[in-house]
Amino acid sequence: MAENCCYKDVLPFSAMVAVECTNVVLNILFKAASLRGLSYYAFNVYSYALSTLLLLPLAFIIFLRTTELPTFKLSVLYRILLLGVLGSVAQVCGYKGIEYSSATLASAISNLTPAFTFILALIFRMEKLGLRSSSTQAKIMGTIVSISGAMVVVLYEGPAIIETSSQSPSLSVHFPLSSSLSNWVIGGLLLAVEYLLFSMWYIVQTQVMRIYPSELIVVFLYNLCATVISAPVSLLVDKNLSGWRLMPGIALVAIVYSVRN
């Protein structure tokens, strides 16, 4: 009984914490790679392509050995294609947002994901809104706090702490990771769009897993669809081939690390 409780409660919580920690590291690595000239379009394509290649043999083995899976239908493929579109667009928005702002802002705004997911789950009737329930009240309070905190992080520039005369330099504290307030706000909005799209991605993924409960095959097909969708679009949009050049260094480390998704 204790092991079953641990598996259902502690393990999922630990996994979510681990995912958030790895996302923070990925944001930092991508920011460092983009400062070295790596295009965020190229990073997106390389990440999906490498994930697809690594998952191909595993997915093929599981597909051949598993006999209990339901029949693969076109409705599942359509949903996985939608996952590919949502995921690739969200990644581009996120990486562009980090380029405009910072990895710190991206990590802070990631707290919008549970808020957006809860709101979308209510819209699609995947969650029941019982105002007298302590669970629902906690979710509503968490949603308000998450959205409010993200707005503060995006819009707050940092006022001067000590005002001095014009003859001496003023001592002020500003967010040091933003070159301008406008870029900071644009980056914040792009990051908010990213996590909204990822919340939609979670909703669609839940539907896919109910129809076709094979995590590895679904993840492989998702990465394959995202690669096929993002590669031609990225090449058409970003024609600067120097940003696609992949050399040993922080860029390669960031791409390899991103495969952990």
Protein backbone atom coordinates (compact mmCIF):
# COMPACT_ATOMS: atom_id res chain seq x y z
CA MET A 1 0.00 0.00 0.00
CA ALA A 2 2.80 2.42 0.93
CA GLU A 3 4.69 1.66 -2.27
CA ASN A 4 1.56 2.20 -4.34
CA CYS A 5 0.95 5.58 -2.64
CA CYS A 6 4.55 6.58 -3.26
CA TYR A 7 4.29 5.62 -6.91
CA LYS A 8 1.07 7.59 -7.46
CA ASP A 9 1.92 10.72 -5.47
CA VAL A 10 5.62 11.19 -4.84
CA LEU A 11 6.99 9.90 -8.15
CA PRO A 12 4.91 12.19 -10.45
CA PHE A 13 5.72 15.19 -8.25
CA SER A 14 9.44 14.38 -8.32
CA ALA A 15 9.31 13.94 -12.09
CA MET A 16 7.68 17.35 -12.58
CA VAL A 17 10.27 19.04 -10.37
CA ALA A 18 13.06 17.33 -12.33
CA VAL A 19 11.53 18.50 -15.63
CA GLU A 20 11.37 22.11 -14.42
CA CYS A 21 15.00 21.97 -13.30
CA THR A 22 16.14 20.60 -16.66
CA ASN A 23 14.11 23.29 -18.45
CA VAL A 24 16.00 25.97 -16.53
CA VAL A 25 19.34 24.47 -17.58
CA LEU A 26 18.15 24.23 -21.20
CA ASN A 27 17.13 27.90 -21.25
CA ILE A 28 20.59 28.89 -20.00
CA LEU A 29 22.37 26.68 -22.54
CA PHE A 30 20.25 28.01 -25.41
CA LYS A 31 20.90 31.63 -24.40
CA ALA A 32 24.63 30.93 -24.40
CA ALA A 33 24.42 29.16 -27.78
CA SER A 34 22.40 31.97 -29.37
CA LEU A 35 24.98 34.50 -28.19
CA ARG A 36 27.55 32.44 -30.13
CA GLY A 37 25.51 32.84 -33.32
CA LEU A 38 23.27 29.75 -33.39
CA SER A 39 19.89 30.47 -34.98
CA TYR A 40 16.86 29.58 -32.86
CA TYR A 41 15.26 28.11 -36.00
CA ALA A 42 18.28 25.84 -36.46
CA PHE A 43 18.26 24.87 -32.80
CA ASN A 44 14.60 23.90 -33.07
CA VAL A 45 15.13 21.72 -36.16
CA TYR A 46 18.32 20.08 -34.89
CA SER A 47 16.72 19.26 -31.56
CA TYR A 48 13.68 17.57 -33.10
CA ALA A 49 15.75 15.75 -35.73
CA LEU A 50 18.20 14.35 -33.20
CA SER A 51 15.35 13.21 -30.93
CA THR A 52 13.70 11.47 -33.88
CA LEU A 53 16.88 9.60 -34.83
CA LEU A 54 17.50 8.44 -31.26
CA LEU A 55 13.92 7.28 -30.71
CA LEU A 56 13.54 5.50 -34.07
CA PRO A 57 15.08 2.10 -33.10
CA LEU A 58 13.34 2.04 -29.70
CA ALA A 59 9.95 2.88 -31.16
CA PHE A 60 10.40 0.26 -33.90
CA ILE A 61 11.26 -2.46 -31.36
CA ILE A 62 8.31 -1.61 -29.11
CA PHE A 63 5.93 -1.49 -32.09
CA LEU A 64 6.99 -4.99 -33.19
CA ARG A 65 6.98 -6.61 -29.74
CA THR A 66 3.84 -5.08 -28.24
CA THR A 67 0.63 -6.84 -29.22
CA GLU A 68 -1.77 -5.12 -26.80
CA LEU A 69 -1.77 -1.72 -28.48
CA PRO A 70 -4.98 -0.59 -30.23
CA THR A 71 -5.08 -0.12 -33.97
CA PHE A 72 -3.34 3.03 -35.13
CA LYS A 73 -6.04 5.25 -36.69
CA LEU A 74 -5.94 8.42 -38.76
CA SER A 75 -7.59 10.31 -35.91
CA VAL A 76 -4.48 9.61 -33.81
CA LEU A 77 -2.20 10.77 -36.63
CA TYR A 78 -4.14 14.02 -37.02
CA ARG A 79 -3.79 14.74 -33.32
CA ILE A 80 -0.06 13.95 -33.40
CA LEU A 81 0.32 16.31 -36.37
CA LEU A 82 -1.43 18.97 -34.29
CA LEU A 83 1.03 18.22 -31.49
CA GLY A 84 3.87 18.76 -33.95
CA VAL A 85 2.50 22.13 -35.07
CA LEU A 86 1.85 23.33 -31.51
CA GLY A 87 5.22 22.11 -30.25
CA SER A 88 7.33 23.55 -33.06
CA VAL A 89 5.59 26.94 -33.01
CA ALA A 90 5.84 27.08 -29.21
CA GLN A 91 9.56 26.30 -29.32
CA VAL A 92 10.22 29.05 -31.87
CA CYS A 93 8.28 31.57 -29.77
CA GLY A 94 10.15 30.49 -26.67
CA TYR A 95 13.62 30.66 -28.17
CA LYS A 96 12.87 34.00 -29.80
CA GLY A 97 11.57 35.24 -26.44
CA ILE A 98 14.79 34.16 -24.73
CA GLU A 99 16.78 35.93 -27.44
CA TYR A 100 14.86 39.16 -26.75
CA SER A 101 15.06 38.83 -22.97
CA SER A 102 16.85 36.24 -20.86
CA ALA A 103 16.83 32.69 -19.54
CA THR A 104 15.81 34.08 -16.15
CA LEU A 105 12.62 35.58 -17.56
CA ALA A 106 11.83 32.35 -19.44
CA SER A 107 12.16 30.30 -16.27
CA ALA A 108 9.97 32.73 -14.32
CA ILE A 109 7.20 32.84 -16.92
CA SER A 110 7.16 29.04 -17.15
CA ASN A 111 4.97 29.24 -14.03
CA LEU A 112 2.15 30.26 -16.38
CA THR A 113 1.94 26.70 -17.72
CA PRO A 114 -0.18 25.21 -14.89
CA ALA A 115 -2.42 28.30 -14.90
CA PHE A 116 -3.04 28.12 -18.65
CA THR A 117 -3.50 24.35 -18.49
CA PHE A 118 -6.09 24.65 -15.71
CA ILE A 119 -8.04 27.30 -17.65
CA LEU A 120 -7.99 25.23 -20.85
CA ALA A 121 -8.98 22.09 -18.95
CA LEU A 122 -12.02 23.97 -17.64
CA ILE A 123 -12.91 25.14 -21.15
CA PHE A 124 -12.65 21.60 -22.57
CA ARG A 125 -14.48 20.16 -19.53
CA MET A 126 -11.53 18.08 -18.41
CA GLU A 127 -11.72 19.73 -14.96
CA LYS A 128 -14.81 20.32 -12.83
CA LEU A 129 -15.20 23.71 -11.18
CA GLY A 130 -16.45 23.10 -7.64
CA LEU A 131 -16.11 26.43 -5.86
CA ARG A 132 -16.68 24.82 -2.46
CA SER A 133 -13.91 22.30 -3.01
CA SER A 134 -10.58 23.13 -1.33
CA SER A 135 -8.76 21.62 -4.33
CA THR A 136 -10.54 23.91 -6.79
CA GLN A 137 -9.97 26.94 -4.56
CA ALA A 138 -6.24 26.14 -4.41
CA LYS A 139 -6.09 25.80 -8.20
CA ILE A 140 -7.89 29.11 -8.72
CA MET A 141 -5.62 30.87 -6.22
CA GLY A 142 -2.54 29.34 -7.85
CA THR A 143 -3.73 30.46 -11.28
CA ILE A 144 -4.22 34.05 -10.10
CA VAL A 145 -0.83 34.13 -8.38
CA SER A 146 0.96 32.62 -11.41
CA ILE A 147 -0.53 35.10 -13.89
CA SER A 148 0.03 38.06 -11.56
CA GLY A 149 3.63 37.06 -10.92
CA ALA A 150 4.35 36.68 -14.62
CA MET A 151 2.90 40.13 -15.35
CA VAL A 152 5.07 41.69 -12.63
CA VAL A 153 8.21 40.03 -14.00
CA VAL A 154 7.46 41.20 -17.56
CA LEU A 155 6.42 44.79 -16.84
CA TYR A 156 8.64 45.68 -13.88
CA GLU A 157 11.86 47.36 -14.98
CA GLY A 158 13.28 48.32 -11.60
CA PRO A 159 13.07 51.83 -10.11
CA ALA A 160 16.00 53.76 -8.69
CA ILE A 161 16.68 52.87 -5.06
CA ILE A 162 18.77 55.93 -4.17
CA GLU A 163 18.05 59.28 -5.78
CA THR A 164 21.06 61.64 -5.97
CA SER A 165 21.73 65.04 -7.45
CA SER A 166 22.48 65.50 -11.13
CA GLN A 167 26.12 66.28 -10.33
CA SER A 168 26.86 62.80 -9.06
CA PRO A 169 26.04 59.51 -10.71
CA SER A 170 22.83 57.90 -9.56
CA LEU A 171 22.73 54.48 -8.03
CA SER A 172 19.87 52.47 -9.43
CA VAL A 173 18.91 48.85 -9.79
CA HIS A 174 17.49 47.55 -13.03
CA PHE A 175 17.07 44.11 -14.48
CA PRO A 176 20.58 43.60 -15.89
CA LEU A 177 19.61 40.96 -18.45
CA SER A 178 17.56 43.25 -20.71
CA SER A 179 19.01 45.68 -23.22
CA SER A 180 15.79 47.67 -23.43
CA LEU A 181 12.37 47.67 -21.85
CA SER A 182 10.64 47.13 -25.20
CA ASN A 183 12.70 44.03 -25.97
CA TRP A 184 12.06 42.77 -22.46
CA VAL A 185 8.28 43.12 -22.86
CA ILE A 186 8.29 41.57 -26.36
CA GLY A 187 10.34 38.67 -25.04
CA GLY A 188 7.94 38.22 -22.14
CA LEU A 189 4.91 38.19 -24.44
CA LEU A 190 6.55 35.64 -26.76
CA LEU A 191 7.35 33.44 -23.76
CA ALA A 192 3.75 33.75 -22.56
CA VAL A 193 2.55 32.63 -26.01
CA GLU A 194 4.96 29.70 -25.83
CA TYR A 195 3.55 28.43 -22.55
CA LEU A 196 -0.02 28.98 -23.73
CA LEU A 197 0.72 26.79 -26.76
CA PHE A 198 2.38 24.20 -24.54
CA SER A 199 -0.71 24.13 -22.34
CA MET A 200 -2.77 23.39 -25.44
CA TRP A 201 -0.13 20.78 -26.30
CA TYR A 202 -0.73 19.06 -22.95
CA ILE A 203 -4.49 18.99 -23.55
CA VAL A 204 -4.09 17.39 -26.99
CA GLN A 205 -1.45 14.99 -25.68
CA THR A 206 -3.88 13.77 -23.00
CA GLN A 207 -6.43 12.96 -25.69
CA VAL A 208 -3.80 11.14 -27.77
CA MET A 209 -2.66 9.00 -24.83
CA ARG A 210 -6.24 7.98 -24.08
CA ILE A 211 -6.68 6.73 -27.65
CA TYR A 212 -3.20 5.28 -28.17
CA PRO A 213 -1.46 4.56 -24.81
CA SER A 214 2.11 4.03 -25.96
CA GLU A 215 4.27 6.88 -24.73
CA LEU A 216 7.42 6.09 -26.68
CA ILE A 217 5.71 5.64 -30.04
CA VAL A 218 3.69 8.83 -29.56
CA VAL A 219 6.81 10.81 -28.61
CA PHE A 220 8.67 9.43 -31.63
CA LEU A 221 5.86 10.33 -34.04
CA TYR A 222 5.54 13.76 -32.44
CA ASN A 223 9.25 14.51 -32.94
CA LEU A 224 9.07 13.17 -36.50
CA CYS A 225 6.08 15.38 -37.36
CA ALA A 226 7.70 18.40 -35.70
CA THR A 227 10.89 17.83 -37.70
CA VAL A 228 9.01 17.51 -40.99
CA ILE A 229 6.98 20.64 -40.24
CA SER A 230 9.71 22.87 -38.81
CA ALA A 231 12.59 22.06 -41.20
CA PRO A 232 11.21 23.51 -44.47
CA VAL A 233 9.50 26.42 -42.72
CA SER A 234 12.66 27.34 -40.81
CA LEU A 235 14.82 27.15 -43.95
CA LEU A 236 12.42 29.45 -45.80
CA VAL A 237 12.22 31.97 -42.96
CA ASP A 238 15.86 31.96 -41.89
CA LYS A 239 18.07 32.06 -44.98
CA ASN A 240 21.20 33.04 -43.07
CA LEU A 241 23.15 29.79 -43.37
CA SER A 242 25.83 30.92 -40.93
CA GLY A 243 23.30 30.51 -38.13
CA TRP A 244 22.83 26.88 -39.13
CA ARG A 245 26.51 26.02 -38.90
CA LEU A 246 27.02 23.52 -36.11
CA MET A 247 30.45 23.39 -34.50
CA PRO A 248 31.67 21.59 -31.38
CA GLY A 249 30.99 23.77 -28.37
CA ILE A 250 28.11 25.16 -26.34
CA ALA A 251 25.70 24.98 -29.31
CA LEU A 252 26.24 21.24 -29.74
CA VAL A 253 25.93 20.71 -25.98
CA ALA A 254 22.62 22.60 -25.92
CA ILE A 255 21.18 20.58 -28.81
CA VAL A 256 22.22 17.24 -27.30
CA TYR A 257 20.85 18.29 -23.90
CA SER A 258 17.52 19.33 -25.45
CA VAL A 259 16.91 15.72 -26.48
CA ARG A 260 16.02 14.98 -22.83
CA ASN A 261 12.50 16.29 -23.66
